[in-house]
Amino acid sequence: MLDHINLAVPNIEEAEDFYVNTLGFTISGDFQTPNGRYLFVSKDGVTYEIVENTELKTAKVGHIALKSDDIEKDYNTLKVNGAKMRGQIGQVNFIFNGAKFFFIEGAAGEPIEYIQLL
């Protein structure tokens, strides 16, 4: 059910070198947007979505993302079940063939993303 782990890093080139050349991950997606670069690296069923934030001194986990097969159904079910919703369903077209997503807040305030690739 885990789709990916979002990781914000101070230098995306250094992170790419480390995950690919040191740990043996492969690049599963690399997208340049007006807001910056989104680098996806994968190994053994684990995918990191790496984004650059030059204001950071060390890396920070931004969120975990859970895979959805029916984003509208999951959104409505979680809303009815009392989950703290962080906005509505959104859509992006710059990663892979597009994705629909939404965020909820976990028990300790941690951001959890639900994502359905299109």
PDB file of N, CA and C in Angstrom:
ATOM      1  N   MET A   1       0.816  -1.191   0.000  1.00  0.00           N
ATOM      2  CA  MET A   1       0.000   0.000   0.000  1.00  0.00           C
ATOM      3  C   MET A   1       0.865   1.264   0.000  1.00  0.00           C
ATOM      4  N   LEU A   2       2.118   1.165   0.451  1.00  0.00           N
ATOM      5  CA  LEU A   2       2.999   2.331   0.428  1.00  0.00           C
ATOM      6  C   LEU A   2       3.360   2.653  -1.015  1.00  0.00           C
ATOM      7  N   ASP A   3       3.188   3.907  -1.407  1.00  0.00           N
ATOM      8  CA  ASP A   3       3.560   4.321  -2.757  1.00  0.00           C
ATOM      9  C   ASP A   3       4.959   4.921  -2.766  1.00  0.00           C
ATOM     10  N   HIS A   4       5.196   5.921  -1.900  1.00  0.00           N
ATOM     11  CA  HIS A   4       6.525   6.522  -1.840  1.00  0.00           C
ATOM     12  C   HIS A   4       6.712   7.284  -0.534  1.00  0.00           C
ATOM     13  N   ILE A   5       7.953   7.654  -0.283  1.00  0.00           N
ATOM     14  CA  ILE A   5       8.320   8.496   0.844  1.00  0.00           C
ATOM     15  C   ILE A   5       8.921   9.764   0.263  1.00  0.00           C
ATOM     16  N   ASN A   6       8.381  10.910   0.657  1.00  0.00           N
ATOM     17  CA  ASN A   6       8.878  12.196   0.177  1.00  0.00           C
ATOM     18  C   ASN A   6      10.038  12.633   1.061  1.00  0.00           C
ATOM     19  N   LEU A   7      11.135  13.015   0.430  1.00  0.00           N
ATOM     20  CA  LEU A   7      12.333  13.428   1.142  1.00  0.00           C
ATOM     21  C   LEU A   7      12.798  14.769   0.587  1.00  0.00           C
ATOM     22  N   ALA A   8      12.845  15.789   1.447  1.00  0.00           N
ATOM     23  CA  ALA A   8      13.371  17.097   1.058  1.00  0.00           C
ATOM     24  C   ALA A   8      14.844  17.146   1.438  1.00  0.00           C
ATOM     25  N   VAL A   9      15.676  17.560   0.497  1.00  0.00           N
ATOM     26  CA  VAL A   9      17.127  17.569   0.707  1.00  0.00           C
ATOM     27  C   VAL A   9      17.703  18.933   0.334  1.00  0.00           C
ATOM     28  N   PRO A  10      18.849  19.311   0.935  1.00  0.00           N
ATOM     29  CA  PRO A  10      19.455  20.596   0.590  1.00  0.00           C
ATOM     30  C   PRO A  10      20.131  20.615  -0.778  1.00  0.00           C
ATOM     31  N   ASN A  11      20.532  19.435  -1.304  1.00  0.00           N
ATOM     32  CA  ASN A  11      21.207  19.372  -2.600  1.00  0.00           C
ATOM     33  C   ASN A  11      20.762  18.101  -3.322  1.00  0.00           C
ATOM     34  N   ILE A  12      19.945  18.254  -4.345  1.00  0.00           N
ATOM     35  CA  ILE A  12      19.357  17.097  -5.021  1.00  0.00           C
ATOM     36  C   ILE A  12      20.396  16.303  -5.817  1.00  0.00           C
ATOM     37  N   GLU A  13      21.431  16.972  -6.347  1.00  0.00           N
ATOM     38  CA  GLU A  13      22.466  16.254  -7.090  1.00  0.00           C
ATOM     39  C   GLU A  13      23.254  15.324  -6.166  1.00  0.00           C
ATOM     40  N   GLU A  14      23.573  15.797  -4.961  1.00  0.00           N
ATOM     41  CA  GLU A  14      24.270  14.949  -3.993  1.00  0.00           C
ATOM     42  C   GLU A  14      23.390  13.771  -3.580  1.00  0.00           C
ATOM     43  N   ALA A  15      22.095  14.028  -3.388  1.00  0.00           N
ATOM     44  CA  ALA A  15      21.174  12.948  -3.020  1.00  0.00           C
ATOM     45  C   ALA A  15      21.073  11.924  -4.141  1.00  0.00           C
ATOM     46  N   GLU A  16      20.989  12.393  -5.383  1.00  0.00           N
ATOM     47  CA  GLU A  16      20.929  11.479  -6.529  1.00  0.00           C
ATOM     48  C   GLU A  16      22.177  10.602  -6.574  1.00  0.00           C
ATOM     49  N   ASP A  17      23.340  11.207  -6.424  1.00  0.00           N
ATOM     50  CA  ASP A  17      24.590  10.452  -6.441  1.00  0.00           C
ATOM     51  C   ASP A  17      24.601   9.396  -5.334  1.00  0.00           C
ATOM     52  N   PHE A  18      24.184   9.763  -4.134  1.00  0.00           N
ATOM     53  CA  PHE A  18      24.187   8.836  -3.005  1.00  0.00           C
ATOM     54  C   PHE A  18      23.217   7.679  -3.228  1.00  0.00           C
ATOM     55  N   TYR A  19      21.961   7.987  -3.564  1.00  0.00           N
ATOM     56  CA  TYR A  19      20.958   6.921  -3.697  1.00  0.00           C
ATOM     57  C   TYR A  19      21.238   6.014  -4.896  1.00  0.00           C
ATOM     58  N   VAL A  20      21.713   6.591  -6.002  1.00  0.00           N
ATOM     59  CA  VAL A  20      21.954   5.789  -7.206  1.00  0.00           C
ATOM     60  C   VAL A  20      23.307   5.077  -7.133  1.00  0.00           C
ATOM     61  N   ASN A  21      24.370   5.817  -6.897  1.00  0.00           N
ATOM     62  CA  ASN A  21      25.714   5.240  -6.986  1.00  0.00           C
ATOM     63  C   ASN A  21      26.187   4.533  -5.720  1.00  0.00           C
ATOM     64  N   THR A  22      25.720   4.974  -4.562  1.00  0.00           N
ATOM     65  CA  THR A  22      26.144   4.343  -3.312  1.00  0.00           C
ATOM     66  C   THR A  22      25.190   3.229  -2.889  1.00  0.00           C
ATOM     67  N   LEU A  23      23.882   3.515  -2.914  1.00  0.00           N
ATOM     68  CA  LEU A  23      22.900   2.538  -2.431  1.00  0.00           C
ATOM     69  C   LEU A  23      22.333   1.639  -3.523  1.00  0.00           C
ATOM     70  N   GLY A  24      22.565   1.984  -4.791  1.00  0.00           N
ATOM     71  CA  GLY A  24      22.114   1.127  -5.882  1.00  0.00           C
ATOM     72  C   GLY A  24      20.662   1.299  -6.297  1.00  0.00           C
ATOM     73  N   PHE A  25      20.041   2.425  -5.940  1.00  0.00           N
ATOM     74  CA  PHE A  25      18.686   2.710  -6.412  1.00  0.00           C
ATOM     75  C   PHE A  25      18.737   3.039  -7.900  1.00  0.00           C
ATOM     76  N   THR A  26      17.620   2.874  -8.594  1.00  0.00           N
ATOM     77  CA  THR A  26      17.524   3.294  -9.991  1.00  0.00           C
ATOM     78  C   THR A  26      16.575   4.481 -10.079  1.00  0.00           C
ATOM     79  N   ILE A  27      16.812   5.331 -11.062  1.00  0.00           N
ATOM     80  CA  ILE A  27      15.930   6.480 -11.274  1.00  0.00           C
ATOM     81  C   ILE A  27      14.667   5.978 -11.955  1.00  0.00           C
ATOM     82  N   SER A  28      13.531   6.145 -11.276  1.00  0.00           N
ATOM     83  CA  SER A  28      12.254   5.703 -11.834  1.00  0.00           C
ATOM     84  C   SER A  28      11.435   6.860 -12.375  1.00  0.00           C
ATOM     85  N   GLY A  29      11.873   8.078 -12.129  1.00  0.00           N
ATOM     86  CA  GLY A  29      11.220   9.267 -12.670  1.00  0.00           C
ATOM     87  C   GLY A  29      12.061  10.489 -12.367  1.00  0.00           C
ATOM     88  N   ASP A  30      12.107  11.427 -13.292  1.00  0.00           N
ATOM     89  CA  ASP A  30      12.892  12.651 -13.116  1.00  0.00           C
ATOM     90  C   ASP A  30      12.159  13.757 -13.855  1.00  0.00           C
ATOM     91  N   PHE A  31      11.587  14.704 -13.108  1.00  0.00           N
ATOM     92  CA  PHE A  31      10.701  15.704 -13.697  1.00  0.00           C
ATOM     93  C   PHE A  31      11.116  17.098 -13.262  1.00  0.00           C
ATOM     94  N   GLN A  32      11.316  17.980 -14.228  1.00  0.00           N
ATOM     95  CA  GLN A  32      11.631  19.375 -13.950  1.00  0.00           C
ATOM     96  C   GLN A  32      10.343  20.172 -14.052  1.00  0.00           C
ATOM     97  N   THR A  33      10.046  20.984 -13.044  1.00  0.00           N
ATOM     98  CA  THR A  33       8.833  21.799 -13.022  1.00  0.00           C
ATOM     99  C   THR A  33       9.222  23.237 -12.707  1.00  0.00           C
ATOM    100  N   PRO A  34       8.297  24.172 -12.849  1.00  0.00           N
ATOM    101  CA  PRO A  34       8.593  25.546 -12.443  1.00  0.00           C
ATOM    102  C   PRO A  34       8.945  25.652 -10.953  1.00  0.00           C
ATOM    103  N   ASN A  35       8.473  24.697 -10.150  1.00  0.00           N
ATOM    104  CA  ASN A  35       8.763  24.698  -8.714  1.00  0.00           C
ATOM    105  C   ASN A  35      10.017  23.914  -8.358  1.00  0.00           C
ATOM    106  N   GLY A  36      10.712  23.374  -9.353  1.00  0.00           N
ATOM    107  CA  GLY A  36      11.923  22.615  -9.081  1.00  0.00           C
ATOM    108  C   GLY A  36      11.869  21.214  -9.650  1.00  0.00           C
ATOM    109  N   ARG A  37      12.843  20.440  -9.285  1.00  0.00           N
ATOM    110  CA  ARG A  37      13.014  19.081  -9.803  1.00  0.00           C
ATOM    111  C   ARG A  37      12.414  18.056  -8.841  1.00  0.00           C
ATOM    112  N   TYR A  38      11.749  17.069  -9.396  1.00  0.00           N
ATOM    113  CA  TYR A  38      11.208  15.938  -8.639  1.00  0.00           C
ATOM    114  C   TYR A  38      11.928  14.691  -9.131  1.00  0.00           C
ATOM    115  N   LEU A  39      12.686  14.059  -8.258  1.00  0.00           N
ATOM    116  CA  LEU A  39      13.465  12.876  -8.605  1.00  0.00           C
ATOM    117  C   LEU A  39      12.899  11.682  -7.846  1.00  0.00           C
ATOM    118  N   PHE A  40      12.516  10.639  -8.577  1.00  0.00           N
ATOM    119  CA  PHE A  40      12.022   9.409  -7.972  1.00  0.00           C
ATOM    120  C   PHE A  40      13.082   8.333  -8.151  1.00  0.00           C
ATOM    121  N   VAL A  41      13.497   7.717  -7.040  1.00  0.00           N
ATOM    122  CA  VAL A  41      14.463   6.621  -7.090  1.00  0.00           C
ATOM    123  C   VAL A  41      13.845   5.409  -6.398  1.00  0.00           C
ATOM    124  N   SER A  42      14.091   4.215  -6.963  1.00  0.00           N
ATOM    125  CA  SER A  42      13.441   3.003  -6.457  1.00  0.00           C
ATOM    126  C   SER A  42      14.425   1.853  -6.322  1.00  0.00           C
ATOM    127  N   LYS A  43      14.136   0.995  -5.322  1.00  0.00           N
ATOM    128  CA  LYS A  43      14.913  -0.229  -5.123  1.00  0.00           C
ATOM    129  C   LYS A  43      14.116  -1.157  -4.209  1.00  0.00           C
ATOM    130  N   ASP A  44      13.994  -2.408  -4.627  1.00  0.00           N
ATOM    131  CA  ASP A  44      13.349  -3.440  -3.808  1.00  0.00           C
ATOM    132  C   ASP A  44      11.962  -3.023  -3.315  1.00  0.00           C
ATOM    133  N   GLY A  45      11.187  -2.387  -4.172  1.00  0.00           N
ATOM    134  CA  GLY A  45       9.826  -2.005  -3.813  1.00  0.00           C
ATOM    135  C   GLY A  45       9.698  -0.723  -3.013  1.00  0.00           C
ATOM    136  N   VAL A  46      10.804  -0.036  -2.757  1.00  0.00           N
ATOM    137  CA  VAL A  46      10.778   1.228  -2.018  1.00  0.00           C
ATOM    138  C   VAL A  46      11.074   2.360  -2.987  1.00  0.00           C
ATOM    139  N   THR A  47      10.243   3.403  -2.952  1.00  0.00           N
ATOM    140  CA  THR A  47      10.457   4.568  -3.807  1.00  0.00           C
ATOM    141  C   THR A  47      10.545   5.823  -2.953  1.00  0.00           C
ATOM    142  N   TYR A  48      11.569   6.625  -3.216  1.00  0.00           N
ATOM    143  CA  TYR A  48      11.697   7.945  -2.612  1.00  0.00           C
ATOM    144  C   TYR A  48      11.373   8.991  -3.670  1.00  0.00           C
ATOM    145  N   GLU A  49      10.577   9.986  -3.288  1.00  0.00           N
ATOM    146  CA  GLU A  49      10.357  11.182  -4.103  1.00  0.00           C
ATOM    147  C   GLU A  49      11.256  12.243  -3.476  1.00  0.00           C
ATOM    148  N   ILE A  50      12.306  12.630  -4.180  1.00  0.00           N
ATOM    149  CA  ILE A  50      13.289  13.559  -3.627  1.00  0.00           C
ATOM    150  C   ILE A  50      13.090  14.931  -4.257  1.00  0.00           C
ATOM    151  N   VAL A  51      12.966  15.938  -3.394  1.00  0.00           N
ATOM    152  CA  VAL A  51      12.824  17.323  -3.843  1.00  0.00           C
ATOM    153  C   VAL A  51      13.891  18.154  -3.140  1.00  0.00           C
ATOM    154  N   GLU A  52      14.286  19.232  -3.783  1.00  0.00           N
ATOM    155  CA  GLU A  52      15.340  20.071  -3.214  1.00  0.00           C
ATOM    156  C   GLU A  52      14.747  21.250  -2.453  1.00  0.00           C
ATOM    157  N   ASN A  53      15.299  21.492  -1.268  1.00  0.00           N
ATOM    158  CA  ASN A  53      14.982  22.680  -0.477  1.00  0.00           C
ATOM    159  C   ASN A  53      16.308  23.211   0.041  1.00  0.00           C
ATOM    160  N   THR A  54      16.844  24.222  -0.636  1.00  0.00           N
ATOM    161  CA  THR A  54      18.188  24.718  -0.322  1.00  0.00           C
ATOM    162  C   THR A  54      18.259  25.403   1.040  1.00  0.00           C
ATOM    163  N   GLU A  55      17.115  25.661   1.670  1.00  0.00           N
ATOM    164  CA  GLU A  55      17.121  26.277   2.998  1.00  0.00           C
ATOM    165  C   GLU A  55      17.401  25.259   4.103  1.00  0.00           C
ATOM    166  N   LEU A  56      17.323  23.977   3.778  1.00  0.00           N
ATOM    167  CA  LEU A  56      17.582  22.932   4.774  1.00  0.00           C
ATOM    168  C   LEU A  56      19.077  22.700   4.942  1.00  0.00           C
ATOM    169  N   LYS A  57      19.477  22.312   6.149  1.00  0.00           N
ATOM    170  CA  LYS A  57      20.862  21.908   6.397  1.00  0.00           C
ATOM    171  C   LYS A  57      20.991  20.389   6.305  1.00  0.00           C
ATOM    172  N   THR A  58      19.931  19.670   6.660  1.00  0.00           N
ATOM    173  CA  THR A  58      19.895  18.211   6.566  1.00  0.00           C
ATOM    174  C   THR A  58      18.577  17.791   5.925  1.00  0.00           C
ATOM    175  N   ALA A  59      18.504  16.540   5.513  1.00  0.00           N
ATOM    176  CA  ALA A  59      17.291  16.030   4.869  1.00  0.00           C
ATOM    177  C   ALA A  59      16.145  15.942   5.867  1.00  0.00           C
ATOM    178  N   LYS A  60      14.933  15.973   5.327  1.00  0.00           N
ATOM    179  CA  LYS A  60      13.734  15.921   6.151  1.00  0.00           C
ATOM    180  C   LYS A  60      12.674  15.113   5.415  1.00  0.00           C
ATOM    181  N   VAL A  61      12.044  14.170   6.116  1.00  0.00           N
ATOM    182  CA  VAL A  61      10.929  13.436   5.522  1.00  0.00           C
ATOM    183  C   VAL A  61       9.739  14.383   5.484  1.00  0.00           C
ATOM    184  N   GLY A  62       9.200  14.593   4.274  1.00  0.00           N
ATOM    185  CA  GLY A  62       8.077  15.512   4.105  1.00  0.00           C
ATOM    186  C   GLY A  62       6.741  14.838   4.339  1.00  0.00           C
ATOM    187  N   HIS A  63       6.572  13.631   3.798  1.00  0.00           N
ATOM    188  CA  HIS A  63       5.333  12.870   3.986  1.00  0.00           C
ATOM    189  C   HIS A  63       5.542  11.441   3.513  1.00  0.00           C
ATOM    190  N   ILE A  64       4.623  10.568   3.904  1.00  0.00           N
ATOM    191  CA  ILE A  64       4.551   9.249   3.290  1.00  0.00           C
ATOM    192  C   ILE A  64       3.319   9.253   2.402  1.00  0.00           C
ATOM    193  N   ALA A  65       3.362   8.485   1.332  1.00  0.00           N
ATOM    194  CA  ALA A  65       2.240   8.433   0.395  1.00  0.00           C
ATOM    195  C   ALA A  65       1.738   7.004   0.284  1.00  0.00           C
ATOM    196  N   LEU A  66       0.435   6.852   0.418  1.00  0.00           N
ATOM    197  CA  LEU A  66      -0.204   5.549   0.296  1.00  0.00           C
ATOM    198  C   LEU A  66      -0.892   5.455  -1.052  1.00  0.00           C
ATOM    199  N   LYS A  67      -0.775   4.295  -1.680  1.00  0.00           N
ATOM    200  CA  LYS A  67      -1.332   4.067  -3.012  1.00  0.00           C
ATOM    201  C   LYS A  67      -2.845   3.915  -2.924  1.00  0.00           C
ATOM    202  N   SER A  68      -3.548   4.534  -3.872  1.00  0.00           N
ATOM    203  CA  SER A  68      -5.005   4.427  -3.952  1.00  0.00           C
ATOM    204  C   SER A  68      -5.393   3.893  -5.318  1.00  0.00           C
ATOM    205  N   ASP A  69      -6.362   2.988  -5.339  1.00  0.00           N
ATOM    206  CA  ASP A  69      -6.930   2.513  -6.602  1.00  0.00           C
ATOM    207  C   ASP A  69      -8.182   3.299  -6.975  1.00  0.00           C
ATOM    208  N   ASP A  70      -8.771   4.004  -5.997  1.00  0.00           N
ATOM    209  CA  ASP A  70      -9.982   4.801  -6.224  1.00  0.00           C
ATOM    210  C   ASP A  70      -9.918   6.015  -5.304  1.00  0.00           C
ATOM    211  N   ILE A  71      -9.323   7.094  -5.779  1.00  0.00           N
ATOM    212  CA  ILE A  71      -9.025   8.258  -4.947  1.00  0.00           C
ATOM    213  C   ILE A  71     -10.284   8.904  -4.384  1.00  0.00           C
ATOM    214  N   GLU A  72     -11.350   8.996  -5.191  1.00  0.00           N
ATOM    215  CA  GLU A  72     -12.591   9.611  -4.717  1.00  0.00           C
ATOM    216  C   GLU A  72     -13.212   8.780  -3.596  1.00  0.00           C
ATOM    217  N   LYS A  73     -13.223   7.465  -3.761  1.00  0.00           N
ATOM    218  CA  LYS A  73     -13.776   6.575  -2.730  1.00  0.00           C
ATOM    219  C   LYS A  73     -12.977   6.692  -1.439  1.00  0.00           C
ATOM    220  N   ASP A  74     -11.648   6.657  -1.538  1.00  0.00           N
ATOM    221  CA  ASP A  74     -10.812   6.770  -0.343  1.00  0.00           C
ATOM    222  C   ASP A  74     -11.018   8.114   0.346  1.00  0.00           C
ATOM    223  N   TYR A  75     -11.103   9.184  -0.431  1.00  0.00           N
ATOM    224  CA  TYR A  75     -11.318  10.523   0.128  1.00  0.00           C
ATOM    225  C   TYR A  75     -12.624  10.562   0.918  1.00  0.00           C
ATOM    226  N   ASN A  76     -13.700  10.098   0.294  1.00  0.00           N
ATOM    227  CA  ASN A  76     -15.014  10.139   0.940  1.00  0.00           C
ATOM    228  C   ASN A  76     -15.072   9.240   2.169  1.00  0.00           C
ATOM    229  N   THR A  77     -14.482   8.056   2.090  1.00  0.00           N
ATOM    230  CA  THR A  77     -14.469   7.136   3.233  1.00  0.00           C
ATOM    231  C   THR A  77     -13.723   7.746   4.408  1.00  0.00           C
ATOM    232  N   LEU A  78     -12.551   8.303   4.156  1.00  0.00           N
ATOM    233  CA  LEU A  78     -11.765   8.899   5.232  1.00  0.00           C
ATOM    234  C   LEU A  78     -12.474  10.107   5.835  1.00  0.00           C
ATOM    235  N   LYS A  79     -13.122  10.895   4.993  1.00  0.00           N
ATOM    236  CA  LYS A  79     -13.857  12.068   5.476  1.00  0.00           C
ATOM    237  C   LYS A  79     -14.998  11.632   6.398  1.00  0.00           C
ATOM    238  N   VAL A  80     -15.776  10.628   5.973  1.00  0.00           N
ATOM    239  CA  VAL A  80     -16.877  10.101   6.788  1.00  0.00           C
ATOM    240  C   VAL A  80     -16.350   9.509   8.098  1.00  0.00           C
ATOM    241  N   ASN A  81     -15.175   8.882   8.041  1.00  0.00           N
ATOM    242  CA  ASN A  81     -14.587   8.260   9.231  1.00  0.00           C
ATOM    243  C   ASN A  81     -13.941   9.264  10.182  1.00  0.00           C
ATOM    244  N   GLY A  82     -13.983  10.548   9.829  1.00  0.00           N
ATOM    245  CA  GLY A  82     -13.493  11.582  10.725  1.00  0.00           C
ATOM    246  C   GLY A  82     -12.038  11.963  10.575  1.00  0.00           C
ATOM    247  N   ALA A  83     -11.399  11.552   9.490  1.00  0.00           N
ATOM    248  CA  ALA A  83     -10.001  11.949   9.271  1.00  0.00           C
ATOM    249  C   ALA A  83      -9.925  13.462   9.098  1.00  0.00           C
ATOM    250  N   LYS A  84      -8.843  14.052   9.571  1.00  0.00           N
ATOM    251  CA  LYS A  84      -8.632  15.489   9.402  1.00  0.00           C
ATOM    252  C   LYS A  84      -8.087  15.721   7.995  1.00  0.00           C
ATOM    253  N   MET A  85      -8.934  16.227   7.112  1.00  0.00           N
ATOM    254  CA  MET A  85      -8.583  16.419   5.712  1.00  0.00           C
ATOM    255  C   MET A  85      -7.763  17.699   5.560  1.00  0.00           C
ATOM    256  N   ARG A  86      -6.780  17.646   4.688  1.00  0.00           N
ATOM    257  CA  ARG A  86      -5.972  18.833   4.350  1.00  0.00           C
ATOM    258  C   ARG A  86      -6.293  19.232   2.919  1.00  0.00           C
ATOM    259  N   GLY A  87      -7.461  19.790   2.707  1.00  0.00           N
ATOM    260  CA  GLY A  87      -7.849  20.238   1.374  1.00  0.00           C
ATOM    261  C   GLY A  87      -8.629  19.189   0.610  1.00  0.00           C
ATOM    262  N   GLN A  88      -8.829  19.481  -0.663  1.00  0.00           N
ATOM    263  CA  GLN A  88      -9.603  18.640  -1.570  1.00  0.00           C
ATOM    264  C   GLN A  88      -8.665  17.746  -2.389  1.00  0.00           C
ATOM    265  N   ILE A  89      -9.256  16.950  -3.261  1.00  0.00           N
ATOM    266  CA  ILE A  89      -8.475  16.135  -4.196  1.00  0.00           C
ATOM    267  C   ILE A  89      -7.824  17.063  -5.217  1.00  0.00           C
ATOM    268  N   GLY A  90      -6.544  16.900  -5.422  1.00  0.00           N
ATOM    269  CA  GLY A  90      -5.812  17.678  -6.415  1.00  0.00           C
ATOM    270  C   GLY A  90      -5.329  16.783  -7.543  1.00  0.00           C
ATOM    271  N   GLN A  91      -4.826  17.409  -8.589  1.00  0.00           N
ATOM    272  CA  GLN A  91      -4.285  16.643  -9.716  1.00  0.00           C
ATOM    273  C   GLN A  91      -3.042  17.336 -10.239  1.00  0.00           C
ATOM    274  N   VAL A  92      -2.031  16.532 -10.565  1.00  0.00           N
ATOM    275  CA  VAL A  92      -0.821  17.029 -11.216  1.00  0.00           C
ATOM    276  C   VAL A  92      -0.618  16.228 -12.490  1.00  0.00           C
ATOM    277  N   ASN A  93      -0.039  16.866 -13.489  1.00  0.00           N
ATOM    278  CA  ASN A  93       0.189  16.198 -14.765  1.00  0.00           C
ATOM    279  C   ASN A  93       1.663  16.072 -15.109  1.00  0.00           C
ATOM    280  N   PHE A  94       2.561  16.600 -14.249  1.00  0.00           N
ATOM    281  CA  PHE A  94       3.983  16.611 -14.587  1.00  0.00           C
ATOM    282  C   PHE A  94       4.721  15.360 -14.138  1.00  0.00           C
ATOM    283  N   ILE A  95       4.106  14.500 -13.326  1.00  0.00           N
ATOM    284  CA  ILE A  95       4.783  13.262 -12.926  1.00  0.00           C
ATOM    285  C   ILE A  95       4.143  12.073 -13.619  1.00  0.00           C
ATOM    286  N   PHE A  96       4.978  11.211 -14.142  1.00  0.00           N
ATOM    287  CA  PHE A  96       4.537  10.016 -14.853  1.00  0.00           C
ATOM    288  C   PHE A  96       3.444  10.415 -15.850  1.00  0.00           C
ATOM    289  N   ASN A  97       2.262   9.798 -15.814  1.00  0.00           N
ATOM    290  CA  ASN A  97       1.168  10.188 -16.718  1.00  0.00           C
ATOM    291  C   ASN A  97       0.112  10.994 -15.982  1.00  0.00           C
ATOM    292  N   GLY A  98       0.476  11.572 -14.872  1.00  0.00           N
ATOM    293  CA  GLY A  98      -0.440  12.347 -14.052  1.00  0.00           C
ATOM    294  C   GLY A  98      -0.846  11.571 -12.812  1.00  0.00           C
ATOM    295  N   ALA A  99      -1.368  12.301 -11.834  1.00  0.00           N
ATOM    296  CA  ALA A  99      -1.791  11.678 -10.586  1.00  0.00           C
ATOM    297  C   ALA A  99      -2.842  12.538  -9.910  1.00  0.00           C
ATOM    298  N   LYS A 100      -3.753  11.876  -9.202  1.00  0.00           N
ATOM    299  CA  LYS A 100      -4.697  12.547  -8.314  1.00  0.00           C
ATOM    300  C   LYS A 100      -4.253  12.234  -6.895  1.00  0.00           C
ATOM    301  N   PHE A 101      -4.447  13.192  -5.988  1.00  0.00           N
ATOM    302  CA  PHE A 101      -3.944  13.022  -4.631  1.00  0.00           C
ATOM    303  C   PHE A 101      -4.724  13.880  -3.649  1.00  0.00           C
ATOM    304  N   PHE A 102      -4.600  13.539  -2.384  1.00  0.00           N
ATOM    305  CA  PHE A 102      -5.060  14.396  -1.298  1.00  0.00           C
ATOM    306  C   PHE A 102      -4.249  14.054  -0.055  1.00  0.00           C
ATOM    307  N   PHE A 103      -4.300  14.957   0.923  1.00  0.00           N
ATOM    308  CA  PHE A 103      -3.574  14.765   2.172  1.00  0.00           C
ATOM    309  C   PHE A 103      -4.538  14.716   3.347  1.00  0.00           C
ATOM    310  N   ILE A 104      -4.174  13.897   4.333  1.00  0.00           N
ATOM    311  CA  ILE A 104      -4.840  13.905   5.623  1.00  0.00           C
ATOM    312  C   ILE A 104      -3.775  14.140   6.680  1.00  0.00           C
ATOM    313  N   GLU A 105      -4.234  14.405   7.896  1.00  0.00           N
ATOM    314  CA  GLU A 105      -3.314  14.594   9.002  1.00  0.00           C
ATOM    315  C   GLU A 105      -3.365  13.361   9.886  1.00  0.00           C
ATOM    316  N   GLY A 106      -2.218  12.797  10.196  1.00  0.00           N
ATOM    317  CA  GLY A 106      -2.147  11.636  11.072  1.00  0.00           C
ATOM    318  C   GLY A 106      -2.394  12.010  12.525  1.00  0.00           C
ATOM    319  N   ALA A 107      -2.384  11.024  13.402  1.00  0.00           N
ATOM    320  CA  ALA A 107      -2.698  11.218  14.815  1.00  0.00           C
ATOM    321  C   ALA A 107      -1.785  12.239  15.492  1.00  0.00           C
ATOM    322  N   ALA A 108      -0.535  12.325  15.069  1.00  0.00           N
ATOM    323  CA  ALA A 108       0.414  13.267  15.665  1.00  0.00           C
ATOM    324  C   ALA A 108       0.646  14.484  14.772  1.00  0.00           C
ATOM    325  N   GLY A 109      -0.220  14.681  13.773  1.00  0.00           N
ATOM    326  CA  GLY A 109      -0.096  15.822  12.878  1.00  0.00           C
ATOM    327  C   GLY A 109       0.751  15.573  11.652  1.00  0.00           C
ATOM    328  N   GLU A 110       1.255  14.346  11.487  1.00  0.00           N
ATOM    329  CA  GLU A 110       2.106  14.039  10.336  1.00  0.00           C
ATOM    330  C   GLU A 110       1.278  14.020   9.049  1.00  0.00           C
ATOM    331  N   PRO A 111       1.829  14.560   7.958  1.00  0.00           N
ATOM    332  CA  PRO A 111       1.101  14.551   6.685  1.00  0.00           C
ATOM    333  C   PRO A 111       1.147  13.175   6.021  1.00  0.00           C
ATOM    334  N   ILE A 112      -0.020  12.705   5.598  1.00  0.00           N
ATOM    335  CA  ILE A 112      -0.141  11.437   4.880  1.00  0.00           C
ATOM    336  C   ILE A 112      -0.843  11.729   3.562  1.00  0.00           C
ATOM    337  N   GLU A 113      -0.204  11.344   2.469  1.00  0.00           N
ATOM    338  CA  GLU A 113      -0.770  11.569   1.138  1.00  0.00           C
ATOM    339  C   GLU A 113      -1.380  10.271   0.629  1.00  0.00           C
ATOM    340  N   TYR A 114      -2.540  10.377   0.007  1.00  0.00           N
ATOM    341  CA  TYR A 114      -3.112   9.283  -0.788  1.00  0.00           C
ATOM    342  C   TYR A 114      -2.929   9.684  -2.237  1.00  0.00           C
ATOM    343  N   ILE A 115      -2.452   8.763  -3.075  1.00  0.00           N
ATOM    344  CA  ILE A 115      -2.156   9.095  -4.467  1.00  0.00           C
ATOM    345  C   ILE A 115      -2.613   7.976  -5.390  1.00  0.00           C
ATOM    346  N   GLN A 116      -3.224   8.386  -6.493  1.00  0.00           N
ATOM    347  CA  GLN A 116      -3.629   7.450  -7.546  1.00  0.00           C
ATOM    348  C   GLN A 116      -2.976   7.910  -8.837  1.00  0.00           C
ATOM    349  N   LEU A 117      -2.091   7.074  -9.383  1.00  0.00           N
ATOM    350  CA  LEU A 117      -1.476   7.398 -10.668  1.00  0.00           C
ATOM    351  C   LEU A 117      -2.497   7.182 -11.767  1.00  0.00           C
ATOM    352  N   LEU A 118      -2.490   8.069 -12.745  1.00  0.00           N
ATOM    353  CA  LEU A 118      -3.464   7.994 -13.839  1.00  0.00           C
ATOM    354  C   LEU A 118      -2.906   7.243 -15.024  1.00  0.00           C
TER     355      LEU A 118
END
